[in-house]
Amino acid sequence: MVKCIGNIPLGVAGRVKNSDPPNMRILVERDEEDTGGFFIWQSPPEDNPVQGGYRFDDWLESAAALQTYFYRSGWKIEWQGVDGGSIESM
């Protein structure tokens, strides 16, 4: 079972379909041990954030801030491998 904050899955790689660069990859993880917040790992399409291949990150202090961040980003994200398929966040 994938844990989600709203429609944002945690620990699941996603591709941002309307990003610059195109098809930027992201991964959202909860930082429970240190801050209680959330990291958003971002990488170009050739890297894999699940395997530590990220180049940028953002940190947010709460679930509400995470949802606001995604809403304001306007990203259209295809999340891979969720229950054998994918879900889309908007």
PDB file of N, CA and C in Angstrom:
ATOM      1  N   MET A   1       0.841  -1.178   0.000  1.00  0.00           N
ATOM      2  CA  MET A   1       0.000   0.000   0.000  1.00  0.00           C
ATOM      3  C   MET A   1       0.888   1.243   0.000  1.00  0.00           C
ATOM      4  N   VAL A   2       0.609   2.159  -0.889  1.00  0.00           N
ATOM      5  CA  VAL A   2       1.362   3.403  -1.006  1.00  0.00           C
ATOM      6  C   VAL A   2       0.716   4.454  -0.116  1.00  0.00           C
ATOM      7  N   LYS A   3       1.516   5.088   0.732  1.00  0.00           N
ATOM      8  CA  LYS A   3       1.015   6.189   1.550  1.00  0.00           C
ATOM      9  C   LYS A   3       0.990   7.454   0.701  1.00  0.00           C
ATOM     10  N   CYS A   4      -0.075   8.228   0.848  1.00  0.00           N
ATOM     11  CA  CYS A   4      -0.229   9.452   0.079  1.00  0.00           C
ATOM     12  C   CYS A   4      -0.565  10.621   0.993  1.00  0.00           C
ATOM     13  N   ILE A   5      -0.177  11.786   0.574  1.00  0.00           N
ATOM     14  CA  ILE A   5      -0.620  13.041   1.173  1.00  0.00           C
ATOM     15  C   ILE A   5      -1.512  13.662   0.101  1.00  0.00           C
ATOM     16  N   GLY A   6      -2.810  13.632   0.324  1.00  0.00           N
ATOM     17  CA  GLY A   6      -3.736  14.027  -0.737  1.00  0.00           C
ATOM     18  C   GLY A   6      -3.575  13.059  -1.887  1.00  0.00           C
ATOM     19  N   ASN A   7      -3.267  13.561  -3.066  1.00  0.00           N
ATOM     20  CA  ASN A   7      -3.004  12.690  -4.213  1.00  0.00           C
ATOM     21  C   ASN A   7      -1.520  12.615  -4.551  1.00  0.00           C
ATOM     22  N   ILE A   8      -0.663  12.889  -3.560  1.00  0.00           N
ATOM     23  CA  ILE A   8       0.790  12.856  -3.746  1.00  0.00           C
ATOM     24  C   ILE A   8       1.340  11.614  -3.042  1.00  0.00           C
ATOM     25  N   PRO A   9       1.763  10.599  -3.798  1.00  0.00           N
ATOM     26  CA  PRO A   9       2.298   9.391  -3.167  1.00  0.00           C
ATOM     27  C   PRO A   9       3.711   9.622  -2.625  1.00  0.00           C
ATOM     28  N   LEU A  10       4.005   8.982  -1.514  1.00  0.00           N
ATOM     29  CA  LEU A  10       5.328   9.078  -0.893  1.00  0.00           C
ATOM     30  C   LEU A  10       6.173   7.881  -1.321  1.00  0.00           C
ATOM     31  N   GLY A  11       7.431   8.137  -1.659  1.00  0.00           N
ATOM     32  CA  GLY A  11       8.354   7.076  -2.027  1.00  0.00           C
ATOM     33  C   GLY A  11       8.118   6.479  -3.395  1.00  0.00           C
ATOM     34  N   VAL A  12       7.397   7.192  -4.265  1.00  0.00           N
ATOM     35  CA  VAL A  12       7.079   6.704  -5.608  1.00  0.00           C
ATOM     36  C   VAL A  12       7.669   7.678  -6.626  1.00  0.00           C
ATOM     37  N   ALA A  13       8.399   7.162  -7.598  1.00  0.00           N
ATOM     38  CA  ALA A  13       8.971   8.014  -8.640  1.00  0.00           C
ATOM     39  C   ALA A  13       7.874   8.510  -9.565  1.00  0.00           C
ATOM     40  N   GLY A  14       8.031   9.740  -9.998  1.00  0.00           N
ATOM     41  CA  GLY A  14       7.080  10.327 -10.934  1.00  0.00           C
ATOM     42  C   GLY A  14       7.793  11.085 -12.028  1.00  0.00           C
ATOM     43  N   ARG A  15       7.092  11.262 -13.147  1.00  0.00           N
ATOM     44  CA  ARG A  15       7.586  12.082 -14.253  1.00  0.00           C
ATOM     45  C   ARG A  15       6.664  13.282 -14.392  1.00  0.00           C
ATOM     46  N   VAL A  16       7.282  14.462 -14.428  1.00  0.00           N
ATOM     47  CA  VAL A  16       6.518  15.688 -14.590  1.00  0.00           C
ATOM     48  C   VAL A  16       6.366  15.934 -16.088  1.00  0.00           C
ATOM     49  N   LYS A  17       5.146  15.780 -16.560  1.00  0.00           N
ATOM     50  CA  LYS A  17       4.905  15.836 -18.001  1.00  0.00           C
ATOM     51  C   LYS A  17       5.015  17.240 -18.574  1.00  0.00           C
ATOM     52  N   ASN A  18       4.861  18.273 -17.747  1.00  0.00           N
ATOM     53  CA  ASN A  18       4.929  19.651 -18.247  1.00  0.00           C
ATOM     54  C   ASN A  18       6.074  20.426 -17.583  1.00  0.00           C
ATOM     55  N   SER A  19       7.217  19.776 -17.449  1.00  0.00           N
ATOM     56  CA  SER A  19       8.351  20.391 -16.748  1.00  0.00           C
ATOM     57  C   SER A  19       9.380  20.972 -17.713  1.00  0.00           C
ATOM     58  N   ASP A  20      10.299  21.720 -17.134  1.00  0.00           N
ATOM     59  CA  ASP A  20      11.476  22.195 -17.844  1.00  0.00           C
ATOM     60  C   ASP A  20      12.678  21.836 -16.982  1.00  0.00           C
ATOM     61  N   PRO A  21      13.485  20.847 -17.357  1.00  0.00           N
ATOM     62  CA  PRO A  21      13.490  20.140 -18.628  1.00  0.00           C
ATOM     63  C   PRO A  21      12.297  19.183 -18.744  1.00  0.00           C
ATOM     64  N   PRO A  22      11.943  18.821 -19.985  1.00  0.00           N
ATOM     65  CA  PRO A  22      10.828  17.901 -20.191  1.00  0.00           C
ATOM     66  C   PRO A  22      11.047  16.566 -19.469  1.00  0.00           C
ATOM     67  N   ASN A  23       9.984  16.049 -18.882  1.00  0.00           N
ATOM     68  CA  ASN A  23       9.987  14.749 -18.197  1.00  0.00           C
ATOM     69  C   ASN A  23      10.897  14.693 -16.984  1.00  0.00           C
ATOM     70  N   MET A  24      11.036  15.820 -16.283  1.00  0.00           N
ATOM     71  CA  MET A  24      11.797  15.832 -15.040  1.00  0.00           C
ATOM     72  C   MET A  24      11.246  14.734 -14.120  1.00  0.00           C
ATOM     73  N   ARG A  25      12.113  14.113 -13.363  1.00  0.00           N
ATOM     74  CA  ARG A  25      11.705  13.044 -12.451  1.00  0.00           C
ATOM     75  C   ARG A  25      11.704  13.568 -11.022  1.00  0.00           C
ATOM     76  N   ILE A  26      10.746  13.092 -10.233  1.00  0.00           N
ATOM     77  CA  ILE A  26      10.662  13.524  -8.841  1.00  0.00           C
ATOM     78  C   ILE A  26      10.347  12.347  -7.931  1.00  0.00           C
ATOM     79  N   LEU A  27      10.615  12.558  -6.667  1.00  0.00           N
ATOM     80  CA  LEU A  27      10.318  11.583  -5.625  1.00  0.00           C
ATOM     81  C   LEU A  27      10.052  12.378  -4.349  1.00  0.00           C
ATOM     82  N   VAL A  28       8.967  12.070  -3.664  1.00  0.00           N
ATOM     83  CA  VAL A  28       8.625  12.757  -2.417  1.00  0.00           C
ATOM     84  C   VAL A  28       8.831  11.776  -1.271  1.00  0.00           C
ATOM     85  N   GLU A  29       9.597  12.197  -0.272  1.00  0.00           N
ATOM     86  CA  GLU A  29       9.843  11.353   0.902  1.00  0.00           C
ATOM     87  C   GLU A  29       9.606  12.151   2.175  1.00  0.00           C
ATOM     88  N   ARG A  30       9.074  11.479   3.160  1.00  0.00           N
ATOM     89  CA  ARG A  30       8.880  12.087   4.480  1.00  0.00           C
ATOM     90  C   ARG A  30      10.199  12.004   5.253  1.00  0.00           C
ATOM     91  N   ASP A  31      10.569  13.088   5.908  1.00  0.00           N
ATOM     92  CA  ASP A  31      11.790  13.152   6.706  1.00  0.00           C
ATOM     93  C   ASP A  31      11.409  13.046   8.184  1.00  0.00           C
ATOM     94  N   GLU A  32      10.851  11.901   8.537  1.00  0.00           N
ATOM     95  CA  GLU A  32      10.320  11.709   9.891  1.00  0.00           C
ATOM     96  C   GLU A  32      11.388  11.788  10.974  1.00  0.00           C
ATOM     97  N   GLU A  33      12.542  11.221  10.736  1.00  0.00           N
ATOM     98  CA  GLU A  33      13.566  11.135  11.774  1.00  0.00           C
ATOM     99  C   GLU A  33      14.161  12.490  12.156  1.00  0.00           C
ATOM    100  N   ASP A  34      14.416  13.343  11.164  1.00  0.00           N
ATOM    101  CA  ASP A  34      15.115  14.594  11.462  1.00  0.00           C
ATOM    102  C   ASP A  34      14.186  15.798  11.642  1.00  0.00           C
ATOM    103  N   THR A  35      13.302  16.019  10.686  1.00  0.00           N
ATOM    104  CA  THR A  35      12.533  17.270  10.705  1.00  0.00           C
ATOM    105  C   THR A  35      11.024  17.078  10.764  1.00  0.00           C
ATOM    106  N   GLY A  36      10.540  15.903  10.378  1.00  0.00           N
ATOM    107  CA  GLY A  36       9.102  15.692  10.293  1.00  0.00           C
ATOM    108  C   GLY A  36       8.491  16.275   9.030  1.00  0.00           C
ATOM    109  N   GLY A  37       9.309  16.902   8.196  1.00  0.00           N
ATOM    110  CA  GLY A  37       8.834  17.512   6.957  1.00  0.00           C
ATOM    111  C   GLY A  37       8.932  16.554   5.782  1.00  0.00           C
ATOM    112  N   PHE A  38       9.009  17.128   4.590  1.00  0.00           N
ATOM    113  CA  PHE A  38       9.016  16.342   3.355  1.00  0.00           C
ATOM    114  C   PHE A  38      10.104  16.858   2.416  1.00  0.00           C
ATOM    115  N   PHE A  39      10.822  15.927   1.787  1.00  0.00           N
ATOM    116  CA  PHE A  39      11.766  16.263   0.729  1.00  0.00           C
ATOM    117  C   PHE A  39      11.120  15.978  -0.611  1.00  0.00           C
ATOM    118  N   ILE A  40      11.370  16.850  -1.576  1.00  0.00           N
ATOM    119  CA  ILE A  40      10.990  16.617  -2.968  1.00  0.00           C
ATOM    120  C   ILE A  40      12.291  16.554  -3.739  1.00  0.00           C
ATOM    121  N   TRP A  41      12.694  15.344  -4.112  1.00  0.00           N
ATOM    122  CA  TRP A  41      13.934  15.131  -4.864  1.00  0.00           C
ATOM    123  C   TRP A  41      13.613  15.303  -6.342  1.00  0.00           C
ATOM    124  N   GLN A  42      14.405  16.085  -7.057  1.00  0.00           N
ATOM    125  CA  GLN A  42      14.163  16.383  -8.459  1.00  0.00           C
ATOM    126  C   GLN A  42      15.393  16.064  -9.287  1.00  0.00           C
ATOM    127  N   SER A  43      15.165  15.508 -10.456  1.00  0.00           N
ATOM    128  CA  SER A  43      16.286  15.160 -11.317  1.00  0.00           C
ATOM    129  C   SER A  43      15.868  15.215 -12.780  1.00  0.00           C
ATOM    130  N   PRO A  44      16.844  15.368 -13.678  1.00  0.00           N
ATOM    131  CA  PRO A  44      16.541  15.322 -15.103  1.00  0.00           C
ATOM    132  C   PRO A  44      16.134  13.901 -15.494  1.00  0.00           C
ATOM    133  N   PRO A  45      15.544  13.742 -16.674  1.00  0.00           N
ATOM    134  CA  PRO A  45      15.015  12.439 -17.079  1.00  0.00           C
ATOM    135  C   PRO A  45      16.023  11.288 -17.057  1.00  0.00           C
ATOM    136  N   GLU A  46      17.303  11.585 -17.268  1.00  0.00           N
ATOM    137  CA  GLU A  46      18.297  10.508 -17.334  1.00  0.00           C
ATOM    138  C   GLU A  46      18.708   9.976 -15.967  1.00  0.00           C
ATOM    139  N   ASP A  47      18.363  10.675 -14.896  1.00  0.00           N
ATOM    140  CA  ASP A  47      18.700  10.222 -13.548  1.00  0.00           C
ATOM    141  C   ASP A  47      17.509   9.538 -12.899  1.00  0.00           C
ATOM    142  N   ASN A  48      17.779   8.750 -11.880  1.00  0.00           N
ATOM    143  CA  ASN A  48      16.719   8.041 -11.171  1.00  0.00           C
ATOM    144  C   ASN A  48      16.744   8.439  -9.704  1.00  0.00           C
ATOM    145  N   PRO A  49      15.769   9.249  -9.241  1.00  0.00           N
ATOM    146  CA  PRO A  49      15.797   9.698  -7.854  1.00  0.00           C
ATOM    147  C   PRO A  49      15.616   8.561  -6.845  1.00  0.00           C
ATOM    148  N   VAL A  50      15.009   7.464  -7.252  1.00  0.00           N
ATOM    149  CA  VAL A  50      14.833   6.318  -6.355  1.00  0.00           C
ATOM    150  C   VAL A  50      16.185   5.716  -5.999  1.00  0.00           C
ATOM    151  N   GLN A  51      17.144   5.796  -6.921  1.00  0.00           N
ATOM    152  CA  GLN A  51      18.478   5.245  -6.698  1.00  0.00           C
ATOM    153  C   GLN A  51      19.471   6.326  -6.276  1.00  0.00           C
ATOM    154  N   GLY A  52      18.966   7.444  -5.755  1.00  0.00           N
ATOM    155  CA  GLY A  52      19.839   8.508  -5.272  1.00  0.00           C
ATOM    156  C   GLY A  52      20.341   9.436  -6.354  1.00  0.00           C
ATOM    157  N   GLY A  53      19.800   9.342  -7.563  1.00  0.00           N
ATOM    158  CA  GLY A  53      20.276  10.167  -8.666  1.00  0.00           C
ATOM    159  C   GLY A  53      19.514  11.469  -8.788  1.00  0.00           C
ATOM    160  N   TYR A  54      19.507  12.268  -7.756  1.00  0.00           N
ATOM    161  CA  TYR A  54      18.828  13.554  -7.822  1.00  0.00           C
ATOM    162  C   TYR A  54      19.848  14.677  -7.926  1.00  0.00           C
ATOM    163  N   ARG A  55      19.408  15.819  -8.421  1.00  0.00           N
ATOM    164  CA  ARG A  55      20.303  16.966  -8.539  1.00  0.00           C
ATOM    165  C   ARG A  55      19.806  18.175  -7.762  1.00  0.00           C
ATOM    166  N   PHE A  56      18.519  18.210  -7.463  1.00  0.00           N
ATOM    167  CA  PHE A  56      17.934  19.326  -6.732  1.00  0.00           C
ATOM    168  C   PHE A  56      16.990  18.774  -5.682  1.00  0.00           C
ATOM    169  N   ASP A  57      16.744  19.563  -4.649  1.00  0.00           N
ATOM    170  CA  ASP A  57      15.727  19.152  -3.695  1.00  0.00           C
ATOM    171  C   ASP A  57      15.050  20.378  -3.106  1.00  0.00           C
ATOM    172  N   ASP A  58      13.854  20.165  -2.651  1.00  0.00           N
ATOM    173  CA  ASP A  58      13.113  21.153  -1.876  1.00  0.00           C
ATOM    174  C   ASP A  58      12.681  20.467  -0.604  1.00  0.00           C
ATOM    175  N   TRP A  59      12.521  21.253   0.446  1.00  0.00           N
ATOM    176  CA  TRP A  59      12.062  20.713   1.717  1.00  0.00           C
ATOM    177  C   TRP A  59      10.858  21.528   2.155  1.00  0.00           C
ATOM    178  N   LEU A  60       9.834  20.844   2.664  1.00  0.00           N
ATOM    179  CA  LEU A  60       8.632  21.501   3.170  1.00  0.00           C
ATOM    180  C   LEU A  60       8.322  20.973   4.552  1.00  0.00           C
ATOM    181  N   GLU A  61       7.814  21.846   5.412  1.00  0.00           N
ATOM    182  CA  GLU A  61       7.665  21.508   6.823  1.00  0.00           C
ATOM    183  C   GLU A  61       6.417  20.727   7.181  1.00  0.00           C
ATOM    184  N   SER A  62       5.418  20.677   6.296  1.00  0.00           N
ATOM    185  CA  SER A  62       4.163  20.018   6.667  1.00  0.00           C
ATOM    186  C   SER A  62       3.444  19.451   5.457  1.00  0.00           C
ATOM    187  N   ALA A  63       2.447  18.609   5.737  1.00  0.00           N
ATOM    188  CA  ALA A  63       1.620  18.039   4.672  1.00  0.00           C
ATOM    189  C   ALA A  63       0.856  19.148   3.947  1.00  0.00           C
ATOM    190  N   ALA A  64       0.387  20.131   4.685  1.00  0.00           N
ATOM    191  CA  ALA A  64      -0.333  21.247   4.066  1.00  0.00           C
ATOM    192  C   ALA A  64       0.584  22.025   3.120  1.00  0.00           C
ATOM    193  N   ALA A  65       1.820  22.279   3.543  1.00  0.00           N
ATOM    194  CA  ALA A  65       2.780  22.988   2.698  1.00  0.00           C
ATOM    195  C   ALA A  65       3.109  22.170   1.448  1.00  0.00           C
ATOM    196  N   LEU A  66       3.199  20.853   1.605  1.00  0.00           N
ATOM    197  CA  LEU A  66       3.463  19.968   0.462  1.00  0.00           C
ATOM    198  C   LEU A  66       2.338  20.068  -0.561  1.00  0.00           C
ATOM    199  N   GLN A  67       1.103  20.007  -0.106  1.00  0.00           N
ATOM    200  CA  GLN A  67      -0.032  20.083  -1.021  1.00  0.00           C
ATOM    201  C   GLN A  67      -0.094  21.449  -1.708  1.00  0.00           C
ATOM    202  N   THR A  68       0.193  22.516  -0.976  1.00  0.00           N
ATOM    203  CA  THR A  68       0.204  23.850  -1.566  1.00  0.00           C
ATOM    204  C   THR A  68       1.304  23.972  -2.620  1.00  0.00           C
ATOM    205  N   TYR A  69       2.476  23.428  -2.319  1.00  0.00           N
ATOM    206  CA  TYR A  69       3.610  23.439  -3.254  1.00  0.00           C
ATOM    207  C   TYR A  69       3.214  22.777  -4.583  1.00  0.00           C
ATOM    208  N   PHE A  70       2.616  21.606  -4.498  1.00  0.00           N
ATOM    209  CA  PHE A  70       2.231  20.894  -5.716  1.00  0.00           C
ATOM    210  C   PHE A  70       1.120  21.620  -6.466  1.00  0.00           C
ATOM    211  N   TYR A  71       0.182  22.188  -5.744  1.00  0.00           N
ATOM    212  CA  TYR A  71      -0.894  22.942  -6.379  1.00  0.00           C
ATOM    213  C   TYR A  71      -0.323  24.139  -7.142  1.00  0.00           C
ATOM    214  N   ARG A  72       0.560  24.889  -6.493  1.00  0.00           N
ATOM    215  CA  ARG A  72       1.147  26.077  -7.121  1.00  0.00           C
ATOM    216  C   ARG A  72       2.094  25.747  -8.268  1.00  0.00           C
ATOM    217  N   SER A  73       2.717  24.584  -8.220  1.00  0.00           N
ATOM    218  CA  SER A  73       3.660  24.202  -9.279  1.00  0.00           C
ATOM    219  C   SER A  73       2.962  24.034 -10.618  1.00  0.00           C
ATOM    220  N   GLY A  74       1.707  23.595 -10.581  1.00  0.00           N
ATOM    221  CA  GLY A  74       0.993  23.339 -11.833  1.00  0.00           C
ATOM    222  C   GLY A  74       1.468  22.097 -12.558  1.00  0.00           C
ATOM    223  N   TRP A  75       2.295  21.296 -11.876  1.00  0.00           N
ATOM    224  CA  TRP A  75       2.841  20.099 -12.518  1.00  0.00           C
ATOM    225  C   TRP A  75       1.744  19.087 -12.824  1.00  0.00           C
ATOM    226  N   LYS A  76       1.881  18.450 -13.954  1.00  0.00           N
ATOM    227  CA  LYS A  76       1.075  17.277 -14.298  1.00  0.00           C
ATOM    228  C   LYS A  76       2.024  16.094 -14.182  1.00  0.00           C
ATOM    229  N   ILE A  77       1.782  15.236 -13.196  1.00  0.00           N
ATOM    230  CA  ILE A  77       2.732  14.189 -12.837  1.00  0.00           C
ATOM    231  C   ILE A  77       2.134  12.816 -13.086  1.00  0.00           C
ATOM    232  N   GLU A  78       2.929  11.974 -13.716  1.00  0.00           N
ATOM    233  CA  GLU A  78       2.565  10.571 -13.866  1.00  0.00           C
ATOM    234  C   GLU A  78       3.400   9.795 -12.853  1.00  0.00           C
ATOM    235  N   TRP A  79       2.732   9.222 -11.859  1.00  0.00           N
ATOM    236  CA  TRP A  79       3.406   8.449 -10.814  1.00  0.00           C
ATOM    237  C   TRP A  79       3.478   7.003 -11.277  1.00  0.00           C
ATOM    238  N   GLN A  80       4.643   6.410 -11.239  1.00  0.00           N
ATOM    239  CA  GLN A  80       4.860   5.063 -11.762  1.00  0.00           C
ATOM    240  C   GLN A  80       4.745   3.992 -10.674  1.00  0.00           C
ATOM    241  N   GLY A  81       4.205   2.834 -11.048  1.00  0.00           N
ATOM    242  CA  GLY A  81       4.238   1.666 -10.185  1.00  0.00           C
ATOM    243  C   GLY A  81       3.300   1.706  -9.004  1.00  0.00           C
ATOM    244  N   VAL A  82       2.247   2.488  -9.058  1.00  0.00           N
ATOM    245  CA  VAL A  82       1.295   2.534  -7.965  1.00  0.00           C
ATOM    246  C   VAL A  82       0.220   1.491  -8.233  1.00  0.00           C
ATOM    247  N   ASP A  83       0.201   0.432  -7.383  1.00  0.00           N
ATOM    248  CA  ASP A  83      -0.770  -0.655  -7.539  1.00  0.00           C
ATOM    249  C   ASP A  83      -0.794  -1.206  -8.960  1.00  0.00           C
ATOM    250  N   GLY A  84       0.376  -1.398  -9.559  1.00  0.00           N
ATOM    251  CA  GLY A  84       0.474  -2.008 -10.871  1.00  0.00           C
ATOM    252  C   GLY A  84       0.173  -1.052 -12.016  1.00  0.00           C
ATOM    253  N   GLY A  85      -0.107   0.188 -11.739  1.00  0.00           N
ATOM    254  CA  GLY A  85      -0.412   1.150 -12.788  1.00  0.00           C
ATOM    255  C   GLY A  85       0.192   2.487 -12.454  1.00  0.00           C
ATOM    256  N   SER A  86      -0.499   3.512 -12.796  1.00  0.00           N
ATOM    257  CA  SER A  86      -0.021   4.837 -12.439  1.00  0.00           C
ATOM    258  C   SER A  86      -1.196   5.723 -12.057  1.00  0.00           C
ATOM    259  N   ILE A  87      -0.935   6.723 -11.253  1.00  0.00           N
ATOM    260  CA  ILE A  87      -1.950   7.712 -10.945  1.00  0.00           C
ATOM    261  C   ILE A  87      -1.407   9.059 -11.390  1.00  0.00           C
ATOM    262  N   GLU A  88      -2.272   9.977 -11.632  1.00  0.00           N
ATOM    263  CA  GLU A  88      -1.837  11.276 -12.107  1.00  0.00           C
ATOM    264  C   GLU A  88      -2.241  12.343 -11.103  1.00  0.00           C
ATOM    265  N   SER A  89      -1.296  13.182 -10.744  1.00  0.00           N
ATOM    266  CA  SER A  89      -1.572  14.310  -9.857  1.00  0.00           C
ATOM    267  C   SER A  89      -1.672  15.567 -10.708  1.00  0.00           C
ATOM    268  N   MET A  90      -2.573  16.432 -10.322  1.00  0.00           N
ATOM    269  CA  MET A  90      -2.717  17.705 -11.031  1.00  0.00           C
ATOM    270  C   MET A  90      -2.843  18.823 -10.032  1.00  0.00           C
TER     271      MET A  90
END
